[in-house]
N, C-alpha and C. Protein backbone atom coordinates (compact mmCIF):
# COMPACT_ATOMS: atom_id res chain seq x y z
N MET A 1 0.71 -1.27 -0.04
CA MET A 1 0.03 -0.20 -0.10
C MET A 1 0.80 1.20 -0.12
N ALA A 2 0.47 2.39 -0.73
CA ALA A 2 1.18 3.48 -1.10
C ALA A 2 1.02 4.26 0.41
N LYS A 3 1.92 4.53 0.88
CA LYS A 3 2.52 5.47 2.20
C LYS A 3 2.36 6.96 1.74
N ILE A 4 2.34 7.76 2.53
CA ILE A 4 2.55 9.43 1.93
C ILE A 4 3.96 9.55 1.50
N GLN A 5 4.85 9.02 2.16
CA GLN A 5 6.17 9.15 1.86
C GLN A 5 6.69 8.62 0.33
N LYS A 6 5.91 7.49 0.21
CA LYS A 6 6.09 6.76 -1.42
C LYS A 6 5.62 7.89 -2.49
N LEU A 7 4.46 8.47 -1.81
CA LEU A 7 3.87 9.25 -2.97
C LEU A 7 4.70 10.50 -3.37
N ILE A 8 5.20 10.92 -2.12
CA ILE A 8 6.16 12.04 -2.27
C ILE A 8 7.43 11.76 -3.17
N GLU A 9 7.91 10.83 -2.95
CA GLU A 9 9.05 10.23 -3.78
C GLU A 9 8.85 10.38 -5.19
N GLY A 10 7.46 9.54 -5.40
CA GLY A 10 6.77 9.22 -6.71
C GLY A 10 6.95 10.73 -7.55
N TYR A 11 6.20 11.88 -6.51
CA TYR A 11 6.07 12.94 -7.17
C TYR A 11 7.45 13.72 -7.69
N LYS A 12 8.46 13.50 -7.05
CA LYS A 12 10.18 13.92 -7.15
C LYS A 12 10.37 12.85 -8.50
N ARG A 13 10.23 11.91 -8.67
CA ARG A 13 10.83 11.23 -9.66
C ARG A 13 9.83 11.69 -11.02
N PHE A 14 8.37 12.21 -10.73
CA PHE A 14 7.70 12.61 -11.90
C PHE A 14 8.18 13.77 -12.32
N HIS A 15 8.57 14.98 -11.51
CA HIS A 15 8.86 16.16 -11.43
C HIS A 15 10.21 16.33 -12.19
N GLN A 16 11.24 15.13 -11.96
CA GLN A 16 12.54 15.09 -12.57
C GLN A 16 12.27 14.21 -14.04
N LYS A 17 11.71 13.26 -14.21
CA LYS A 17 11.82 12.49 -15.23
C LYS A 17 10.77 13.03 -16.35
N TYR A 18 9.53 13.46 -15.87
CA TYR A 18 8.31 13.65 -16.67
C TYR A 18 8.05 15.31 -16.92
N PHE A 19 7.99 15.76 -15.72
CA PHE A 19 7.79 17.53 -16.05
C PHE A 19 8.75 18.10 -16.90
N LEU A 20 10.03 18.00 -16.10
CA LEU A 20 11.01 18.64 -16.63
C LEU A 20 11.45 18.30 -18.28
N SER A 21 10.79 16.94 -18.64
CA SER A 21 11.12 16.88 -20.02
C SER A 21 9.91 16.94 -20.94
N ASN A 22 8.84 17.70 -20.52
CA ASN A 22 7.75 18.02 -21.11
C ASN A 22 7.38 19.82 -20.75
N THR A 23 8.07 20.14 -20.66
CA THR A 23 7.82 21.61 -19.88
C THR A 23 7.16 22.55 -20.78
N SER A 24 7.32 22.11 -22.09
CA SER A 24 6.50 22.97 -23.48
C SER A 24 5.07 22.59 -23.22
N LEU A 25 4.79 21.16 -23.15
CA LEU A 25 3.20 20.99 -22.85
C LEU A 25 2.69 21.43 -21.59
N TYR A 26 3.40 21.49 -20.56
CA TYR A 26 2.48 21.96 -19.50
C TYR A 26 2.81 23.79 -19.40
N GLU A 27 3.61 24.35 -20.12
CA GLU A 27 3.39 25.45 -20.41
C GLU A 27 2.32 26.19 -21.14
N GLU A 28 2.19 25.11 -22.47
CA GLU A 28 0.99 25.27 -23.14
C GLU A 28 -0.46 24.98 -22.73
N LEU A 29 -0.54 24.26 -21.37
CA LEU A 29 -1.66 24.14 -20.85
C LEU A 29 -1.84 25.16 -19.91
N ASP A 30 -0.89 25.70 -19.42
CA ASP A 30 -0.89 26.55 -18.31
C ASP A 30 -1.58 27.80 -19.15
N LYS A 31 -1.04 27.92 -20.31
CA LYS A 31 -1.38 29.41 -21.06
C LYS A 31 -2.60 29.31 -21.75
N VAL A 32 -2.93 28.36 -22.32
CA VAL A 32 -4.16 28.23 -23.09
C VAL A 32 -5.21 27.33 -22.49
N GLY A 33 -4.90 26.64 -21.08
CA GLY A 33 -5.71 26.14 -20.87
C GLY A 33 -6.27 24.77 -21.24
N GLN A 34 -7.39 23.93 -20.79
CA GLN A 34 -7.54 22.90 -21.24
C GLN A 34 -8.69 22.60 -22.28
N SER A 35 -8.72 21.81 -22.98
CA SER A 35 -9.54 21.69 -24.40
C SER A 35 -9.58 19.83 -24.52
N PRO A 36 -9.84 19.19 -23.55
CA PRO A 36 -10.17 17.80 -23.84
C PRO A 36 -11.20 17.50 -24.84
N LYS A 37 -10.87 16.33 -25.49
CA LYS A 37 -12.09 15.98 -26.34
C LYS A 37 -13.02 14.79 -25.80
N THR A 38 -12.48 14.29 -24.80
CA THR A 38 -13.53 13.27 -24.22
C THR A 38 -13.33 13.01 -22.73
N LEU A 39 -14.58 12.77 -22.19
CA LEU A 39 -14.74 12.90 -20.80
C LEU A 39 -14.73 11.39 -20.36
N VAL A 40 -14.23 11.04 -19.45
CA VAL A 40 -14.31 9.68 -18.82
C VAL A 40 -15.22 9.44 -17.51
N ILE A 41 -15.92 9.12 -17.33
CA ILE A 41 -16.59 8.67 -16.09
C ILE A 41 -16.49 7.46 -15.38
N ALA A 42 -15.54 7.19 -14.50
CA ALA A 42 -14.86 6.00 -14.12
C ALA A 42 -15.16 5.65 -12.39
N CYS A 43 -14.63 4.54 -12.20
CA CYS A 43 -14.74 4.26 -10.71
C CYS A 43 -13.64 4.65 -9.98
N SER A 44 -13.65 4.99 -8.60
CA SER A 44 -12.97 5.70 -7.54
C SER A 44 -11.88 4.50 -7.39
N ASP A 45 -12.13 3.32 -7.63
CA ASP A 45 -11.22 2.32 -7.45
C ASP A 45 -9.70 2.64 -7.49
N SER A 46 -8.54 2.45 -6.81
CA SER A 46 -7.39 2.65 -6.88
C SER A 46 -6.52 1.86 -8.05
N ARG A 47 -7.41 0.86 -8.16
CA ARG A 47 -6.58 -0.37 -9.04
C ARG A 47 -6.85 -0.03 -10.67
N VAL A 48 -7.91 1.20 -10.98
CA VAL A 48 -8.31 1.32 -12.58
C VAL A 48 -8.25 2.84 -12.53
N ASP A 49 -7.38 3.33 -13.11
CA ASP A 49 -6.74 4.60 -13.39
C ASP A 49 -7.17 4.92 -15.15
N PRO A 50 -7.99 5.66 -15.39
CA PRO A 50 -8.32 5.96 -16.88
C PRO A 50 -7.24 6.67 -17.64
N SER A 51 -6.33 7.20 -16.91
CA SER A 51 -5.19 8.02 -17.40
C SER A 51 -4.18 6.86 -18.14
N ILE A 52 -3.73 5.75 -17.09
CA ILE A 52 -3.00 5.21 -17.11
C ILE A 52 -3.55 3.95 -18.04
N ILE A 53 -4.63 3.51 -18.02
CA ILE A 53 -5.44 2.58 -18.85
C ILE A 53 -5.06 3.18 -20.34
N SER A 54 -5.63 4.31 -20.55
CA SER A 54 -5.41 5.00 -21.85
C SER A 54 -4.11 5.74 -22.13
N ASP A 55 -3.35 5.70 -21.55
CA ASP A 55 -1.84 6.38 -21.85
C ASP A 55 -2.00 7.59 -22.43
N ALA A 56 -3.09 8.20 -21.56
CA ALA A 56 -3.39 9.61 -22.12
C ALA A 56 -2.28 10.80 -21.34
N ASP A 57 -1.99 11.78 -22.09
CA ASP A 57 -1.34 12.82 -21.62
C ASP A 57 -1.97 13.76 -20.98
N PRO A 58 -1.63 14.74 -20.12
CA PRO A 58 -2.43 15.55 -19.42
C PRO A 58 -3.00 16.45 -20.52
N GLY A 59 -4.30 16.81 -19.99
CA GLY A 59 -4.98 17.62 -21.06
C GLY A 59 -5.92 16.65 -21.82
N ASP A 60 -5.55 15.47 -22.18
CA ASP A 60 -6.39 14.62 -23.06
C ASP A 60 -7.68 14.24 -22.98
N ILE A 61 -7.97 13.94 -21.39
CA ILE A 61 -9.14 13.72 -20.77
C ILE A 61 -9.56 14.31 -19.62
N PHE A 62 -11.09 14.50 -19.54
CA PHE A 62 -11.56 15.19 -18.25
C PHE A 62 -12.27 14.10 -17.87
N VAL A 63 -11.94 13.73 -16.29
CA VAL A 63 -12.26 12.80 -15.55
C VAL A 63 -13.01 13.15 -14.34
N ILE A 64 -14.30 12.44 -14.39
CA ILE A 64 -14.99 12.11 -13.23
C ILE A 64 -14.90 10.72 -12.59
N ARG A 65 -14.85 10.77 -11.30
CA ARG A 65 -14.75 9.27 -10.82
C ARG A 65 -15.42 9.30 -9.83
N ASN A 66 -16.31 8.14 -9.36
CA ASN A 66 -17.48 7.99 -8.19
C ASN A 66 -17.31 6.37 -8.02
N VAL A 67 -17.99 6.32 -6.96
CA VAL A 67 -18.07 4.77 -6.56
C VAL A 67 -18.94 3.97 -7.45
N ALA A 68 -18.39 2.99 -8.18
CA ALA A 68 -19.16 2.36 -9.24
C ALA A 68 -19.37 3.06 -10.53
N ASN A 69 -18.65 4.31 -10.96
CA ASN A 69 -18.96 4.76 -12.13
C ASN A 69 -20.23 5.03 -12.70
N LEU A 70 -21.42 5.49 -11.48
CA LEU A 70 -22.73 5.60 -11.68
C LEU A 70 -22.66 6.88 -12.23
N VAL A 71 -23.79 7.29 -13.16
CA VAL A 71 -24.33 8.40 -13.48
C VAL A 71 -25.93 8.67 -12.91
N PRO A 72 -26.24 9.57 -12.36
CA PRO A 72 -27.64 9.64 -11.94
C PRO A 72 -28.38 10.29 -12.97
N PRO A 73 -29.67 10.14 -13.09
CA PRO A 73 -30.57 10.48 -13.81
C PRO A 73 -30.94 12.41 -13.82
N TYR A 74 -30.99 12.71 -14.70
CA TYR A 74 -31.06 14.35 -14.68
C TYR A 74 -32.23 14.61 -13.72
N GLU A 75 -31.88 15.56 -12.81
CA GLU A 75 -32.65 15.99 -11.64
C GLU A 75 -32.42 17.46 -11.67
N LYS A 76 -33.33 18.44 -11.80
CA LYS A 76 -33.01 19.86 -11.73
C LYS A 76 -33.72 20.38 -10.64
N ASP A 77 -33.01 20.59 -9.47
CA ASP A 77 -33.94 21.00 -8.26
C ASP A 77 -32.76 21.82 -7.61
N ASP A 78 -32.95 22.38 -6.52
CA ASP A 78 -32.03 22.80 -5.55
C ASP A 78 -31.87 22.48 -4.33
N LYS A 79 -32.31 21.23 -4.28
CA LYS A 79 -32.53 20.54 -2.60
C LYS A 79 -31.24 19.48 -2.59
N GLY A 80 -30.35 19.67 -3.49
CA GLY A 80 -29.14 18.71 -3.15
C GLY A 80 -28.18 19.31 -3.96
N PHE A 81 -26.73 18.75 -3.53
CA PHE A 81 -25.54 18.65 -4.16
C PHE A 81 -25.44 17.52 -5.46
N HIS A 82 -25.11 18.63 -6.60
CA HIS A 82 -24.95 17.51 -8.21
C HIS A 82 -23.63 17.68 -8.34
N GLY A 83 -22.80 17.01 -7.81
CA GLY A 83 -21.71 16.68 -8.21
C GLY A 83 -21.14 16.40 -9.31
N VAL A 84 -21.51 15.19 -9.47
CA VAL A 84 -21.51 14.56 -10.92
C VAL A 84 -22.23 15.18 -12.23
N SER A 85 -23.63 15.71 -11.64
CA SER A 85 -23.96 16.36 -12.93
C SER A 85 -23.56 17.71 -13.12
N ALA A 86 -22.90 18.45 -12.05
CA ALA A 86 -22.13 19.58 -12.45
C ALA A 86 -20.78 19.36 -13.45
N ALA A 87 -20.14 18.20 -13.22
CA ALA A 87 -19.06 17.77 -14.07
C ALA A 87 -19.33 17.82 -15.11
N LEU A 88 -20.41 16.78 -15.45
CA LEU A 88 -20.90 16.66 -16.53
C LEU A 88 -21.26 17.59 -17.65
N GLU A 89 -21.88 18.67 -16.79
CA GLU A 89 -22.33 20.06 -17.56
C GLU A 89 -21.17 20.72 -17.83
N PHE A 90 -20.41 20.78 -16.98
CA PHE A 90 -18.86 21.48 -17.17
C PHE A 90 -18.20 20.80 -18.63
N ALA A 91 -18.16 19.42 -18.78
CA ALA A 91 -17.48 19.03 -19.64
C ALA A 91 -18.30 18.97 -21.28
N VAL A 92 -19.63 18.91 -20.96
CA VAL A 92 -20.57 18.84 -22.24
C VAL A 92 -20.44 20.47 -22.74
N ARG A 93 -20.97 21.24 -21.69
CA ARG A 93 -21.50 22.88 -22.34
C ARG A 93 -20.32 23.32 -22.32
N ILE A 94 -19.52 23.43 -21.49
CA ILE A 94 -18.14 24.30 -21.42
C ILE A 94 -16.81 24.01 -22.08
N LEU A 95 -16.65 22.77 -22.18
CA LEU A 95 -15.36 22.07 -22.86
C LEU A 95 -16.00 21.57 -23.87
N GLN A 96 -17.15 21.02 -24.20
CA GLN A 96 -17.66 20.70 -25.31
C GLN A 96 -16.78 19.46 -25.90
N VAL A 97 -16.68 18.45 -24.97
CA VAL A 97 -16.41 17.42 -25.25
C VAL A 97 -17.02 16.49 -26.49
N GLU A 98 -16.43 15.75 -27.27
CA GLU A 98 -16.95 14.99 -28.29
C GLU A 98 -17.60 13.25 -27.97
N ASN A 99 -16.56 13.03 -26.81
CA ASN A 99 -16.82 11.58 -26.46
C ASN A 99 -16.97 11.74 -25.07
N ILE A 100 -18.06 10.47 -24.74
CA ILE A 100 -18.38 10.31 -23.07
C ILE A 100 -17.87 8.93 -23.12
N VAL A 101 -17.19 8.43 -22.23
CA VAL A 101 -16.88 6.93 -21.81
C VAL A 101 -17.01 6.65 -20.39
N ILE A 102 -18.28 5.90 -20.52
CA ILE A 102 -18.35 5.14 -18.89
C ILE A 102 -17.32 3.95 -18.75
N LEU A 103 -16.54 4.12 -17.86
CA LEU A 103 -15.41 3.10 -18.06
C LEU A 103 -15.74 2.27 -16.68
N GLY A 104 -16.17 1.06 -16.47
CA GLY A 104 -16.36 0.29 -15.57
C GLY A 104 -15.42 -1.01 -15.47
N HIS A 105 -15.34 -1.71 -14.33
CA HIS A 105 -14.47 -2.65 -14.32
C HIS A 105 -14.76 -3.92 -13.47
N SER A 106 -14.24 -5.16 -13.26
CA SER A 106 -14.40 -6.22 -12.82
C SER A 106 -13.66 -5.90 -11.12
N LYS A 107 -14.46 -6.64 -10.40
CA LYS A 107 -14.27 -6.66 -8.92
C LYS A 107 -14.38 -5.52 -8.21
N CYS A 108 -15.96 -4.73 -8.73
CA CYS A 108 -16.08 -3.70 -8.36
C CYS A 108 -16.71 -3.59 -6.61
N ALA A 109 -16.15 -3.10 -5.90
CA ALA A 109 -16.68 -2.90 -4.63
C ALA A 109 -17.91 -2.33 -4.66
N GLY A 110 -18.11 -1.22 -5.44
CA GLY A 110 -19.47 -0.45 -5.33
C GLY A 110 -20.45 -1.75 -5.99
N VAL A 111 -20.31 -2.36 -6.87
CA VAL A 111 -21.26 -2.99 -7.71
C VAL A 111 -21.67 -4.01 -6.31
N GLN A 112 -20.46 -4.64 -5.97
CA GLN A 112 -20.74 -5.67 -4.81
C GLN A 112 -21.52 -5.08 -3.61
N THR A 113 -21.75 -3.79 -3.38
CA THR A 113 -22.47 -3.44 -2.29
C THR A 113 -23.90 -3.22 -2.91
N LEU A 114 -23.99 -2.87 -3.89
CA LEU A 114 -25.22 -2.95 -5.04
C LEU A 114 -25.93 -4.11 -4.53
N LEU A 115 -25.19 -5.27 -4.74
CA LEU A 115 -25.61 -6.69 -4.76
C LEU A 115 -26.06 -6.79 -3.30
N HIS A 116 -24.99 -6.57 -2.17
CA HIS A 116 -25.62 -6.89 -0.95
C HIS A 116 -25.43 -5.66 -0.39
N PRO A 117 -26.41 -4.78 -0.18
CA PRO A 117 -26.80 -3.48 0.52
C PRO A 117 -26.61 -3.88 2.34
N GLU A 118 -26.84 -5.22 2.55
CA GLU A 118 -26.76 -5.18 4.04
C GLU A 118 -25.47 -4.88 4.61
N ASN A 119 -24.48 -4.98 3.69
CA ASN A 119 -23.06 -4.62 4.28
C ASN A 119 -22.82 -3.33 4.70
N VAL A 120 -23.90 -2.37 4.29
CA VAL A 120 -23.87 -0.69 4.45
C VAL A 120 -24.85 -0.42 5.05
N GLU A 121 -25.49 -1.17 5.69
CA GLU A 121 -26.87 -0.55 6.48
C GLU A 121 -26.56 0.73 6.96
N ASP A 122 -25.26 0.50 7.87
CA ASP A 122 -25.22 1.86 8.93
C ASP A 122 -24.26 2.92 8.03
N SER A 123 -24.35 2.97 6.76
CA SER A 123 -23.55 4.15 5.96
C SER A 123 -24.27 5.21 6.11
N ASP A 124 -23.95 6.34 5.96
CA ASP A 124 -24.09 7.61 5.57
C ASP A 124 -24.55 8.01 4.18
N PHE A 125 -23.91 7.73 3.32
CA PHE A 125 -24.27 8.03 1.91
C PHE A 125 -23.93 6.69 0.74
N ILE A 126 -23.19 5.43 0.94
CA ILE A 126 -22.87 4.85 0.20
C ILE A 126 -24.11 4.31 -0.23
N GLY A 127 -25.02 3.72 0.44
CA GLY A 127 -26.27 2.84 0.34
C GLY A 127 -27.17 3.41 -0.52
N HIS A 128 -27.34 4.72 -0.22
CA HIS A 128 -28.02 5.73 -1.23
C HIS A 128 -27.85 5.81 -2.52
N TRP A 129 -26.10 6.15 -2.83
CA TRP A 129 -25.54 6.30 -3.82
C TRP A 129 -25.88 5.19 -4.86
N VAL A 130 -25.29 3.73 -4.17
CA VAL A 130 -25.41 2.63 -5.07
C VAL A 130 -26.92 2.40 -5.54
N ASP A 131 -27.75 3.07 -4.78
CA ASP A 131 -29.23 2.64 -5.13
C ASP A 131 -29.76 2.96 -6.64
N ILE A 132 -28.93 4.10 -7.25
CA ILE A 132 -29.09 4.76 -8.46
C ILE A 132 -29.15 3.05 -9.49
N GLY A 133 -27.92 2.22 -9.02
CA GLY A 133 -28.01 1.03 -9.94
C GLY A 133 -28.71 -0.17 -9.60
N GLN A 134 -30.07 0.10 -9.07
CA GLN A 134 -30.83 -0.92 -8.68
C GLN A 134 -31.58 -1.64 -10.11
N SER A 135 -31.86 -0.62 -11.05
CA SER A 135 -32.45 -1.45 -12.21
C SER A 135 -31.04 -2.21 -13.02
N ALA A 136 -30.22 -1.95 -12.99
CA ALA A 136 -29.05 -2.73 -13.34
C ALA A 136 -29.02 -4.12 -12.60
N LYS A 137 -29.29 -3.78 -11.13
CA LYS A 137 -29.01 -5.08 -10.50
C LYS A 137 -30.34 -6.11 -10.92
N GLU A 138 -31.42 -5.62 -10.91
CA GLU A 138 -32.62 -6.16 -11.51
C GLU A 138 -32.47 -7.32 -12.97
N LYS A 139 -31.62 -6.27 -13.63
CA LYS A 139 -31.60 -6.64 -15.05
C LYS A 139 -30.58 -8.04 -14.87
N ALA A 140 -29.46 -7.48 -14.20
CA ALA A 140 -28.29 -9.12 -13.71
C ALA A 140 -28.95 -10.22 -13.34
N CYS A 141 -29.73 -10.00 -12.60
CA CYS A 141 -30.48 -11.12 -11.68
C CYS A 141 -31.13 -11.97 -12.74
N GLN A 142 -31.97 -11.16 -13.56
CA GLN A 142 -32.86 -11.81 -14.23
C GLN A 142 -32.04 -12.47 -15.50
N GLN A 143 -30.64 -12.07 -15.88
CA GLN A 143 -30.01 -12.84 -16.92
C GLN A 143 -29.33 -14.20 -16.09
N VAL A 144 -28.81 -14.00 -15.41
CA VAL A 144 -27.83 -15.22 -14.58
C VAL A 144 -28.68 -15.76 -13.59
N GLY A 145 -29.58 -15.37 -12.81
CA GLY A 145 -29.99 -15.60 -11.77
C GLY A 145 -29.22 -15.78 -10.39
N THR A 146 -29.86 -15.59 -9.19
CA THR A 146 -29.08 -15.18 -8.04
C THR A 146 -28.46 -16.40 -7.72
N TYR A 147 -28.57 -17.75 -8.00
CA TYR A 147 -28.23 -19.23 -7.90
C TYR A 147 -27.18 -19.76 -8.55
N GLU A 148 -26.67 -18.56 -9.54
CA GLU A 148 -25.27 -18.73 -10.33
C GLU A 148 -24.01 -18.38 -9.45
N PRO A 149 -22.98 -19.01 -9.73
CA PRO A 149 -21.72 -18.62 -8.93
C PRO A 149 -21.70 -16.91 -9.06
N HIS A 150 -21.46 -16.77 -7.78
CA HIS A 150 -21.32 -15.23 -7.33
C HIS A 150 -20.65 -14.39 -8.39
N ASP A 151 -19.38 -14.79 -8.94
CA ASP A 151 -18.77 -14.08 -9.74
C ASP A 151 -19.55 -13.92 -11.43
N PHE A 152 -20.39 -14.61 -11.74
CA PHE A 152 -21.66 -14.44 -12.83
C PHE A 152 -22.04 -13.38 -12.39
N LEU A 153 -22.75 -13.11 -11.39
CA LEU A 153 -23.64 -12.04 -11.10
C LEU A 153 -23.04 -10.71 -11.03
N GLN A 154 -21.70 -10.87 -10.52
CA GLN A 154 -20.78 -9.63 -10.17
C GLN A 154 -20.66 -9.37 -11.55
N HIS A 155 -20.05 -9.97 -12.62
CA HIS A 155 -19.68 -9.41 -13.76
C HIS A 155 -20.85 -8.96 -14.54
N ALA A 156 -21.99 -9.51 -14.56
CA ALA A 156 -23.16 -9.42 -15.34
C ALA A 156 -23.64 -7.81 -14.79
N CYS A 157 -23.72 -7.78 -13.66
CA CYS A 157 -24.08 -6.42 -12.66
C CYS A 157 -23.44 -5.27 -13.03
N GLU A 158 -21.92 -5.75 -13.15
CA GLU A 158 -20.90 -4.55 -13.55
C GLU A 158 -21.05 -4.06 -14.77
N LYS A 159 -21.57 -4.68 -15.70
CA LYS A 159 -21.62 -4.28 -16.98
C LYS A 159 -23.23 -3.82 -17.53
N GLU A 160 -24.18 -4.12 -16.41
CA GLU A 160 -25.46 -3.43 -16.41
C GLU A 160 -25.18 -2.04 -16.09
N VAL A 161 -24.46 -2.07 -14.96
CA VAL A 161 -24.06 -0.81 -14.34
C VAL A 161 -23.81 0.08 -15.45
N ILE A 162 -22.69 -0.29 -16.58
CA ILE A 162 -22.05 0.29 -17.19
C ILE A 162 -23.17 1.02 -18.51
N LEU A 163 -24.37 -0.14 -18.65
CA LEU A 163 -25.11 0.20 -19.52
C LEU A 163 -26.18 1.10 -19.10
N LEU A 164 -26.63 1.11 -17.91
CA LEU A 164 -27.52 2.02 -17.26
C LEU A 164 -26.84 3.43 -16.82
N SER A 165 -25.57 3.85 -16.99
CA SER A 165 -25.19 4.95 -16.82
C SER A 165 -25.17 5.53 -18.53
N LEU A 166 -24.93 4.96 -19.16
CA LEU A 166 -25.28 5.29 -20.53
C LEU A 166 -26.76 5.87 -20.79
N GLU A 167 -27.70 4.89 -20.16
CA GLU A 167 -28.91 5.62 -20.39
C GLU A 167 -29.41 6.60 -19.55
N ASN A 168 -28.84 6.95 -18.50
CA ASN A 168 -28.91 8.02 -17.44
C ASN A 168 -28.65 9.42 -18.39
N LEU A 169 -27.34 9.17 -18.90
CA LEU A 169 -26.58 10.44 -19.68
C LEU A 169 -27.66 10.96 -20.68
N MET A 170 -28.29 10.14 -21.21
CA MET A 170 -29.24 10.58 -22.29
C MET A 170 -30.46 11.23 -21.56
N THR A 171 -30.89 11.32 -20.24
CA THR A 171 -31.64 12.04 -19.71
C THR A 171 -31.32 13.29 -19.50
N PHE A 172 -30.08 13.50 -19.74
CA PHE A 172 -29.68 15.10 -19.63
C PHE A 172 -30.12 15.70 -20.95
N PRO A 173 -30.97 16.94 -20.98
CA PRO A 173 -31.28 17.09 -22.32
C PRO A 173 -29.88 17.94 -23.28
N TRP A 174 -28.91 18.48 -22.65
CA TRP A 174 -28.06 19.10 -23.45
C TRP A 174 -26.96 17.68 -23.92
N ILE A 175 -27.20 16.54 -23.26
CA ILE A 175 -26.41 15.33 -24.02
C ILE A 175 -27.04 14.77 -25.19
N GLN A 176 -28.49 14.58 -24.56
CA GLN A 176 -29.31 14.17 -25.65
C GLN A 176 -29.33 14.67 -27.10
N GLU A 177 -29.35 16.10 -26.92
CA GLU A 177 -29.72 17.03 -28.01
C GLU A 177 -28.09 16.97 -28.66
N ARG A 178 -27.19 16.82 -28.28
CA ARG A 178 -25.82 16.70 -28.93
C ARG A 178 -25.56 15.20 -29.62
N VAL A 179 -26.06 14.51 -28.82
CA VAL A 179 -26.01 12.87 -29.44
C VAL A 179 -26.69 12.68 -30.75
N GLU A 180 -27.74 13.53 -30.79
CA GLU A 180 -28.88 13.48 -31.98
C GLU A 180 -28.40 14.01 -33.00
N ALA A 181 -27.38 15.09 -32.61
CA ALA A 181 -26.94 16.11 -33.62
C ALA A 181 -25.86 15.35 -34.22
N GLY A 182 -25.21 14.31 -33.61
CA GLY A 182 -24.00 13.71 -34.06
C GLY A 182 -22.65 14.67 -33.55
N SER A 183 -22.82 15.47 -32.59
CA SER A 183 -21.24 16.25 -32.04
C SER A 183 -21.08 15.46 -30.86
N LEU A 184 -22.01 14.32 -30.21
CA LEU A 184 -21.36 13.78 -28.97
C LEU A 184 -21.89 12.25 -29.18
N THR A 185 -20.47 11.62 -28.95
CA THR A 185 -20.67 9.80 -29.08
C THR A 185 -20.66 9.50 -27.61
N LEU A 186 -21.18 8.44 -27.51
CA LEU A 186 -21.10 7.99 -25.84
C LEU A 186 -20.42 6.50 -26.01
N HIS A 187 -19.92 5.86 -25.09
CA HIS A 187 -19.09 4.69 -25.28
C HIS A 187 -19.34 3.95 -23.80
N GLY A 188 -19.46 2.57 -23.90
CA GLY A 188 -19.21 1.81 -22.44
C GLY A 188 -18.09 1.15 -22.56
N TRP A 189 -17.03 1.21 -21.85
CA TRP A 189 -15.96 0.32 -21.43
C TRP A 189 -15.95 -0.57 -20.19
N TYR A 190 -15.54 -1.48 -20.30
CA TYR A 190 -15.31 -2.56 -19.29
C TYR A 190 -13.98 -3.07 -19.18
N PHE A 191 -13.17 -2.85 -17.94
CA PHE A 191 -11.88 -3.09 -17.96
C PHE A 191 -11.85 -4.63 -16.84
N ARG A 192 -10.72 -5.45 -17.05
CA ARG A 192 -10.86 -6.69 -16.62
C ARG A 192 -9.57 -6.40 -16.05
N ILE A 193 -9.61 -6.55 -14.58
CA ILE A 193 -8.23 -6.16 -13.82
C ILE A 193 -7.30 -7.60 -13.79
N SER A 194 -7.97 -8.52 -13.66
CA SER A 194 -7.31 -9.90 -13.69
C SER A 194 -6.09 -10.11 -15.00
N ASP A 195 -6.60 -9.67 -16.13
CA ASP A 195 -5.82 -10.10 -17.30
C ASP A 195 -5.60 -8.73 -18.22
N GLY A 196 -5.94 -7.53 -17.98
CA GLY A 196 -5.79 -6.18 -18.26
C GLY A 196 -6.89 -6.42 -19.88
N CYS A 197 -7.75 -6.91 -19.73
CA CYS A 197 -8.78 -6.78 -21.00
C CYS A 197 -9.59 -5.51 -20.96
N LEU A 198 -9.58 -5.07 -22.14
CA LEU A 198 -10.66 -3.82 -22.39
C LEU A 198 -11.69 -4.25 -23.19
N GLN A 199 -12.88 -4.15 -22.78
CA GLN A 199 -13.98 -4.28 -23.55
C GLN A 199 -14.80 -3.37 -24.21
N GLN A 200 -15.59 -3.18 -25.20
CA GLN A 200 -16.13 -1.98 -25.57
C GLN A 200 -17.51 -2.47 -25.84
N TYR A 201 -18.66 -1.59 -25.56
CA TYR A 201 -19.93 -2.26 -25.61
C TYR A 201 -20.41 -1.78 -27.16
N ASN A 202 -20.82 -3.10 -27.83
CA ASN A 202 -21.32 -2.66 -29.38
C ASN A 202 -22.73 -2.86 -29.62
N ALA A 203 -23.40 -1.86 -29.43
CA ALA A 203 -24.81 -1.82 -29.44
C ALA A 203 -25.65 -2.32 -30.77
N GLN A 204 -24.75 -2.54 -31.40
CA GLN A 204 -25.48 -3.37 -32.53
C GLN A 204 -25.90 -4.85 -32.44
N ILE A 205 -24.87 -5.47 -31.69
CA ILE A 205 -24.84 -6.98 -31.30
C ILE A 205 -25.56 -7.15 -29.65
N GLY A 206 -25.36 -6.07 -29.25
CA GLY A 206 -25.61 -5.83 -27.53
C GLY A 206 -24.87 -6.48 -26.66
N HIS A 207 -23.83 -6.49 -27.19
CA HIS A 207 -22.64 -7.04 -26.45
C HIS A 207 -21.50 -6.43 -26.36
N PHE A 208 -20.57 -6.83 -25.23
CA PHE A 208 -19.18 -6.16 -24.90
C PHE A 208 -18.06 -7.00 -25.63
N GLU A 209 -17.51 -6.29 -26.59
CA GLU A 209 -16.18 -7.03 -27.23
C GLU A 209 -14.72 -6.22 -26.94
N SER A 210 -14.15 -7.43 -26.94
CA SER A 210 -12.58 -7.34 -26.73
C SER A 210 -11.99 -6.09 -27.73
N ILE A 211 -11.28 -4.92 -27.19
CA ILE A 211 -10.80 -4.05 -28.20
C ILE A 211 -9.54 -4.71 -28.87
N ILE A 212 -8.68 -5.74 -28.13
CA ILE A 212 -7.60 -6.13 -28.99
C ILE A 212 -7.51 -7.62 -28.54
């Protein structure tokens, strides 16, 4: 596990080997600002870093991370804090990204919590948050059944959460408008930690396919 001192030493290596050799990139980013073409909505899981998986440079992707890479449906009210929705609006309406990727992954603890809410009965926020994925859980249970090996249900639910988040994206009017106009494209990706396989959802056949 990374302790603070390890992270500090890592920063020193980054500054020496990466930053100092790419000063022109950072000078440009500092001067001009960011203009990423892709938004990635990923899980907060420490094992799944979208910048590392995509080998992205600073400024390439705008990233939203939360438990189980969930996108809530569009709700316009003043009664709560809408962190994910605000970041979505910033990426789409201000930065005008051209792609949105929902990046899910295997062995997701957030999805496991969705499947077993009894484990977080005394939580303040986690249970309510993962409840967004209830319909994904129901679909996964219908597909594989609750009596199948747990891994089957977990994997099915992880993928259904990705599809649900894609559906919820389309409830945002300014996302739907851009998708229908062809200026914004939505993607569903699933990363398998065990073997590093990255799968992409193919809407034409209704399945996730390996990218390589």
